[in-house]
C-alpha atoms as a PDB file:
ATOM      1  CA  UNK A   1       5.280  15.447  -7.848  1.00  0.00           C
ATOM      2  CA  UNK A   2       7.073  16.496  -4.671  1.00  0.00           C
ATOM      3  CA  UNK A   3       5.874  18.093  -1.470  1.00  0.00           C
ATOM      4  CA  UNK A   4       7.776  20.470   0.770  1.00  0.00           C
ATOM      5  CA  UNK A   5       6.051  18.824   3.706  1.00  0.00           C
ATOM      6  CA  UNK A   6       7.035  15.271   2.758  1.00  0.00           C
ATOM      7  CA  UNK A   7      10.262  16.153   0.894  1.00  0.00           C
ATOM      8  CA  UNK A   8      10.143  13.498  -1.811  1.00  0.00           C
ATOM      9  CA  UNK A   9       7.904  11.967  -4.430  1.00  0.00           C
ATOM     10  CA  UNK A  10       4.265  11.893  -3.288  1.00  0.00           C
ATOM     11  CA  UNK A  11       2.351  10.407  -6.239  1.00  0.00           C
ATOM     12  CA  UNK A  12       2.814   7.636  -8.805  1.00  0.00           C
ATOM     13  CA  UNK A  13       0.628   8.235 -11.887  1.00  0.00           C
ATOM     14  CA  UNK A  14       2.709   5.719 -13.839  1.00  0.00           C
ATOM     15  CA  UNK A  15       1.294   2.907 -11.663  1.00  0.00           C
ATOM     16  CA  UNK A  16      -2.331   3.294 -12.773  1.00  0.00           C
ATOM     17  CA  UNK A  17      -3.186   0.021 -14.526  1.00  0.00           C
ATOM     18  CA  UNK A  18      -0.491  -1.976 -12.700  1.00  0.00           C
ATOM     19  CA  UNK A  19      -1.189  -4.857 -10.330  1.00  0.00           C
ATOM     20  CA  UNK A  20      -1.695  -3.603  -6.772  1.00  0.00           C
ATOM     21  CA  UNK A  21       1.074  -5.794  -5.361  1.00  0.00           C
ATOM     22  CA  UNK A  22       3.551  -4.501  -7.949  1.00  0.00           C
ATOM     23  CA  UNK A  23       2.565  -0.912  -7.177  1.00  0.00           C
ATOM     24  CA  UNK A  24       3.142  -1.455  -3.452  1.00  0.00           C
ATOM     25  CA  UNK A  25       6.590  -2.926  -4.116  1.00  0.00           C
ATOM     26  CA  UNK A  26       7.553  -0.008  -6.376  1.00  0.00           C
ATOM     27  CA  UNK A  27       6.359   2.642  -3.937  1.00  0.00           C
ATOM     28  CA  UNK A  28       8.069   1.082  -0.925  1.00  0.00           C
ATOM     29  CA  UNK A  29      11.315   0.715  -2.913  1.00  0.00           C
ATOM     30  CA  UNK A  30      11.263   4.320  -4.149  1.00  0.00           C
ATOM     31  CA  UNK A  31      10.193   5.867  -0.855  1.00  0.00           C
ATOM     32  CA  UNK A  32      11.991   4.369   2.136  1.00  0.00           C
ATOM     33  CA  UNK A  33      10.207   4.362   5.506  1.00  0.00           C
ATOM     34  CA  UNK A  34       6.846   4.418   3.742  1.00  0.00           C
ATOM     35  CA  UNK A  35       4.186   1.730   3.829  1.00  0.00           C
ATOM     36  CA  UNK A  36       1.830   1.342   0.878  1.00  0.00           C
ATOM     37  CA  UNK A  37      -1.580  -0.178   1.549  1.00  0.00           C
ATOM     38  CA  UNK A  38      -3.787  -1.876  -1.024  1.00  0.00           C
ATOM     39  CA  UNK A  39      -7.335  -0.590  -0.623  1.00  0.00           C
ATOM     40  CA  UNK A  40     -10.231  -2.180  -2.515  1.00  0.00           C
ATOM     41  CA  UNK A  41     -12.523   0.238  -4.345  1.00  0.00           C
ATOM     42  CA  UNK A  42     -15.303   1.451  -2.046  1.00  0.00           C
ATOM     43  CA  UNK A  43     -13.483   0.897   1.265  1.00  0.00           C
ATOM     44  CA  UNK A  44     -13.341   3.879   3.622  1.00  0.00           C
ATOM     45  CA  UNK A  45      -9.934   4.846   5.046  1.00  0.00           C
ATOM     46  CA  UNK A  46      -8.949   7.152   7.880  1.00  0.00           C
ATOM     47  CA  UNK A  47      -8.686  10.819   6.884  1.00  0.00           C
ATOM     48  CA  UNK A  48      -5.441  11.465   8.788  1.00  0.00           C
ATOM     49  CA  UNK A  49      -2.461  12.550   6.645  1.00  0.00           C
ATOM     50  CA  UNK A  50       0.934  10.917   6.961  1.00  0.00           C
ATOM     51  CA  UNK A  51       4.063  11.219   4.828  1.00  0.00           C
ATOM     52  CA  UNK A  52       4.797   7.560   5.574  1.00  0.00           C
ATOM     53  CA  UNK A  53       1.564   6.100   4.168  1.00  0.00           C
ATOM     54  CA  UNK A  54       0.338   5.605   0.602  1.00  0.00           C
ATOM     55  CA  UNK A  55      -3.118   4.367  -0.351  1.00  0.00           C
ATOM     56  CA  UNK A  56      -3.147   2.144  -3.445  1.00  0.00           C
ATOM     57  CA  UNK A  57      -6.755   1.961  -4.654  1.00  0.00           C
ATOM     58  CA  UNK A  58      -7.503  -1.162  -6.686  1.00  0.00           C
ATOM     59  CA  UNK A  59     -10.516  -2.457  -8.583  1.00  0.00           C
ATOM     60  CA  UNK A  60     -12.122  -5.887  -8.119  1.00  0.00           C
ATOM     61  CA  UNK A  61      -9.341  -7.445 -10.228  1.00  0.00           C
ATOM     62  CA  UNK A  62      -6.557  -5.966  -8.055  1.00  0.00           C
ATOM     63  CA  UNK A  63      -5.537  -3.400 -10.668  1.00  0.00           C
ATOM     64  CA  UNK A  64      -4.592   0.134  -9.577  1.00  0.00           C
ATOM     65  CA  UNK A  65      -7.513   2.351 -10.574  1.00  0.00           C
ATOM     66  CA  UNK A  66      -6.348   5.803  -9.487  1.00  0.00           C
ATOM     67  CA  UNK A  67      -3.057   7.565  -8.863  1.00  0.00           C
ATOM     68  CA  UNK A  68      -1.468   6.314  -5.617  1.00  0.00           C
ATOM     69  CA  UNK A  69      -0.645   9.288  -3.364  1.00  0.00           C
ATOM     70  CA  UNK A  70       0.937   9.886   0.004  1.00  0.00           C
ATOM     71  CA  UNK A  71      -1.742  10.388   2.589  1.00  0.00           C
END
């Protein structure tokens, strides 16, 4: 998926089920000048939107539980 606002890939459905650390590495490699953050399930994050930030939600075992998206 692409966004006119962010001008490149903005979600990674193929990473659901991957290890969080691997997902972060993939995202940061595919989308330069972007930082991916591992976020444990249940943690609250800031609601501000940024094309240079991706939340990677993981379960208690560190596995990506939902589609990582720019935000």
